[in-house]
PDB file of N, CA and C in Angstrom:
ATOM      1  N   MET A   1      25.740   1.704 -38.298  1.00  0.00           N
ATOM      2  CA  MET A   1      25.309   0.621 -37.439  1.00  0.00           C
ATOM      3  C   MET A   1      24.980   1.217 -36.073  1.00  0.00           C
ATOM      4  N   ASP A   2      23.872   0.784 -35.504  1.00  0.00           N
ATOM      5  CA  ASP A   2      23.444   1.249 -34.186  1.00  0.00           C
ATOM      6  C   ASP A   2      23.281   0.036 -33.279  1.00  0.00           C
ATOM      7  N   VAL A   3      24.088  -0.026 -32.242  1.00  0.00           N
ATOM      8  CA  VAL A   3      24.027  -1.133 -31.295  1.00  0.00           C
ATOM      9  C   VAL A   3      23.725  -0.558 -29.924  1.00  0.00           C
ATOM     10  N   SER A   4      22.722  -1.113 -29.262  1.00  0.00           N
ATOM     11  CA  SER A   4      22.409  -0.636 -27.916  1.00  0.00           C
ATOM     12  C   SER A   4      21.852  -1.778 -27.088  1.00  0.00           C
ATOM     13  N   ALA A   5      22.053  -1.670 -25.784  1.00  0.00           N
ATOM     14  CA  ALA A   5      21.565  -2.690 -24.863  1.00  0.00           C
ATOM     15  C   ALA A   5      21.643  -2.139 -23.446  1.00  0.00           C
ATOM     16  N   THR A   6      21.000  -2.821 -22.535  1.00  0.00           N
ATOM     17  CA  THR A   6      21.098  -2.461 -21.128  1.00  0.00           C
ATOM     18  C   THR A   6      21.380  -3.716 -20.318  1.00  0.00           C
ATOM     19  N   TYR A   7      22.044  -3.529 -19.201  1.00  0.00           N
ATOM     20  CA  TYR A   7      22.338  -4.633 -18.302  1.00  0.00           C
ATOM     21  C   TYR A   7      22.413  -4.075 -16.892  1.00  0.00           C
ATOM     22  N   THR A   8      21.825  -4.778 -15.952  1.00  0.00           N
ATOM     23  CA  THR A   8      21.866  -4.364 -14.556  1.00  0.00           C
ATOM     24  C   THR A   8      22.840  -5.259 -13.809  1.00  0.00           C
ATOM     25  N   PHE A   9      23.863  -4.650 -13.232  1.00  0.00           N
ATOM     26  CA  PHE A   9      24.869  -5.386 -12.473  1.00  0.00           C
ATOM     27  C   PHE A   9      24.415  -5.528 -11.029  1.00  0.00           C
ATOM     28  N   ASP A  10      24.661  -6.684 -10.461  1.00  0.00           N
ATOM     29  CA  ASP A  10      24.335  -6.931  -9.059  1.00  0.00           C
ATOM     30  C   ASP A  10      25.573  -6.633  -8.210  1.00  0.00           C
ATOM     31  N   ALA A  11      25.966  -5.348  -8.217  1.00  0.00           N
ATOM     32  CA  ALA A  11      27.153  -4.908  -7.481  1.00  0.00           C
ATOM     33  C   ALA A  11      27.040  -3.403  -7.260  1.00  0.00           C
ATOM     34  N   PRO A  12      27.785  -2.880  -6.301  1.00  0.00           N
ATOM     35  CA  PRO A  12      27.775  -1.430  -6.073  1.00  0.00           C
ATOM     36  C   PRO A  12      28.302  -0.673  -7.295  1.00  0.00           C
ATOM     37  N   LYS A  13      27.756   0.513  -7.544  1.00  0.00           N
ATOM     38  CA  LYS A  13      28.155   1.312  -8.707  1.00  0.00           C
ATOM     39  C   LYS A  13      29.652   1.578  -8.736  1.00  0.00           C
ATOM     40  N   ASP A  14      30.238   1.892  -7.592  1.00  0.00           N
ATOM     41  CA  ASP A  14      31.671   2.187  -7.547  1.00  0.00           C
ATOM     42  C   ASP A  14      32.508   0.991  -7.993  1.00  0.00           C
ATOM     43  N   GLN A  15      32.112  -0.196  -7.600  1.00  0.00           N
ATOM     44  CA  GLN A  15      32.852  -1.406  -7.967  1.00  0.00           C
ATOM     45  C   GLN A  15      32.733  -1.672  -9.470  1.00  0.00           C
ATOM     46  N   VAL A  16      31.534  -1.525 -10.006  1.00  0.00           N
ATOM     47  CA  VAL A  16      31.320  -1.743 -11.446  1.00  0.00           C
ATOM     48  C   VAL A  16      32.115  -0.720 -12.249  1.00  0.00           C
ATOM     49  N   TRP A  17      32.053   0.541 -11.848  1.00  0.00           N
ATOM     50  CA  TRP A  17      32.748   1.594 -12.584  1.00  0.00           C
ATOM     51  C   TRP A  17      34.260   1.369 -12.568  1.00  0.00           C
ATOM     52  N   ALA A  18      34.802   0.955 -11.429  1.00  0.00           N
ATOM     53  CA  ALA A  18      36.240   0.691 -11.331  1.00  0.00           C
ATOM     54  C   ALA A  18      36.667  -0.384 -12.331  1.00  0.00           C
ATOM     55  N   LEU A  19      35.847  -1.397 -12.509  1.00  0.00           N
ATOM     56  CA  LEU A  19      36.169  -2.451 -13.477  1.00  0.00           C
ATOM     57  C   LEU A  19      36.028  -1.959 -14.913  1.00  0.00           C
ATOM     58  N   LEU A  20      35.017  -1.138 -15.178  1.00  0.00           N
ATOM     59  CA  LEU A  20      34.784  -0.662 -16.543  1.00  0.00           C
ATOM     60  C   LEU A  20      35.880   0.275 -17.032  1.00  0.00           C
ATOM     61  N   ILE A  21      36.567   0.959 -16.128  1.00  0.00           N
ATOM     62  CA  ILE A  21      37.626   1.877 -16.557  1.00  0.00           C
ATOM     63  C   ILE A  21      39.022   1.260 -16.410  1.00  0.00           C
ATOM     64  N   ASP A  22      39.095  -0.007 -16.063  1.00  0.00           N
ATOM     65  CA  ASP A  22      40.374  -0.709 -15.924  1.00  0.00           C
ATOM     66  C   ASP A  22      40.752  -1.313 -17.276  1.00  0.00           C
ATOM     67  N   PRO A  23      41.809  -0.805 -17.921  1.00  0.00           N
ATOM     68  CA  PRO A  23      42.187  -1.308 -19.249  1.00  0.00           C
ATOM     69  C   PRO A  23      42.444  -2.818 -19.286  1.00  0.00           C
ATOM     70  N   ALA A  24      42.988  -3.379 -18.228  1.00  0.00           N
ATOM     71  CA  ALA A  24      43.263  -4.817 -18.207  1.00  0.00           C
ATOM     72  C   ALA A  24      41.967  -5.621 -18.234  1.00  0.00           C
ATOM     73  N   VAL A  25      40.955  -5.152 -17.533  1.00  0.00           N
ATOM     74  CA  VAL A  25      39.662  -5.849 -17.505  1.00  0.00           C
ATOM     75  C   VAL A  25      38.968  -5.718 -18.856  1.00  0.00           C
ATOM     76  N   ILE A  26      38.891  -4.509 -19.375  1.00  0.00           N
ATOM     77  CA  ILE A  26      38.216  -4.286 -20.658  1.00  0.00           C
ATOM     78  C   ILE A  26      38.966  -5.001 -21.783  1.00  0.00           C
ATOM     79  N   GLY A  27      40.286  -4.996 -21.739  1.00  0.00           N
ATOM     80  CA  GLY A  27      41.082  -5.685 -22.756  1.00  0.00           C
ATOM     81  C   GLY A  27      40.789  -7.174 -22.808  1.00  0.00           C
ATOM     82  N   GLY A  28      40.460  -7.761 -21.674  1.00  0.00           N
ATOM     83  CA  GLY A  28      40.125  -9.177 -21.639  1.00  0.00           C
ATOM     84  C   GLY A  28      38.765  -9.487 -22.226  1.00  0.00           C
ATOM     85  N   CYS A  29      37.949  -8.451 -22.417  1.00  0.00           N
ATOM     86  CA  CYS A  29      36.596  -8.637 -22.962  1.00  0.00           C
ATOM     87  C   CYS A  29      36.545  -8.424 -24.471  1.00  0.00           C
ATOM     88  N   LEU A  30      37.570  -7.801 -25.019  1.00  0.00           N
ATOM     89  CA  LEU A  30      37.567  -7.460 -26.438  1.00  0.00           C
ATOM     90  C   LEU A  30      38.466  -8.409 -27.225  1.00  0.00           C
ATOM     91  N   PRO A  31      38.067  -8.700 -28.460  1.00  0.00           N
ATOM     92  CA  PRO A  31      38.899  -9.587 -29.295  1.00  0.00           C
ATOM     93  C   PRO A  31      40.179  -8.908 -29.749  1.00  0.00           C
TER      94      PRO A  31
END
C-alpha cells in the first residue's frame, strides 16, 4: 500500500515540528 499527501501548515516550521514530535499530540491523532 502506498499512501502519500501534502499539507501546508499556516504556522512557523519550528512550532509545527514541535507538535509533530510530541507523543501526546500524535497519540491524540491516531486510533
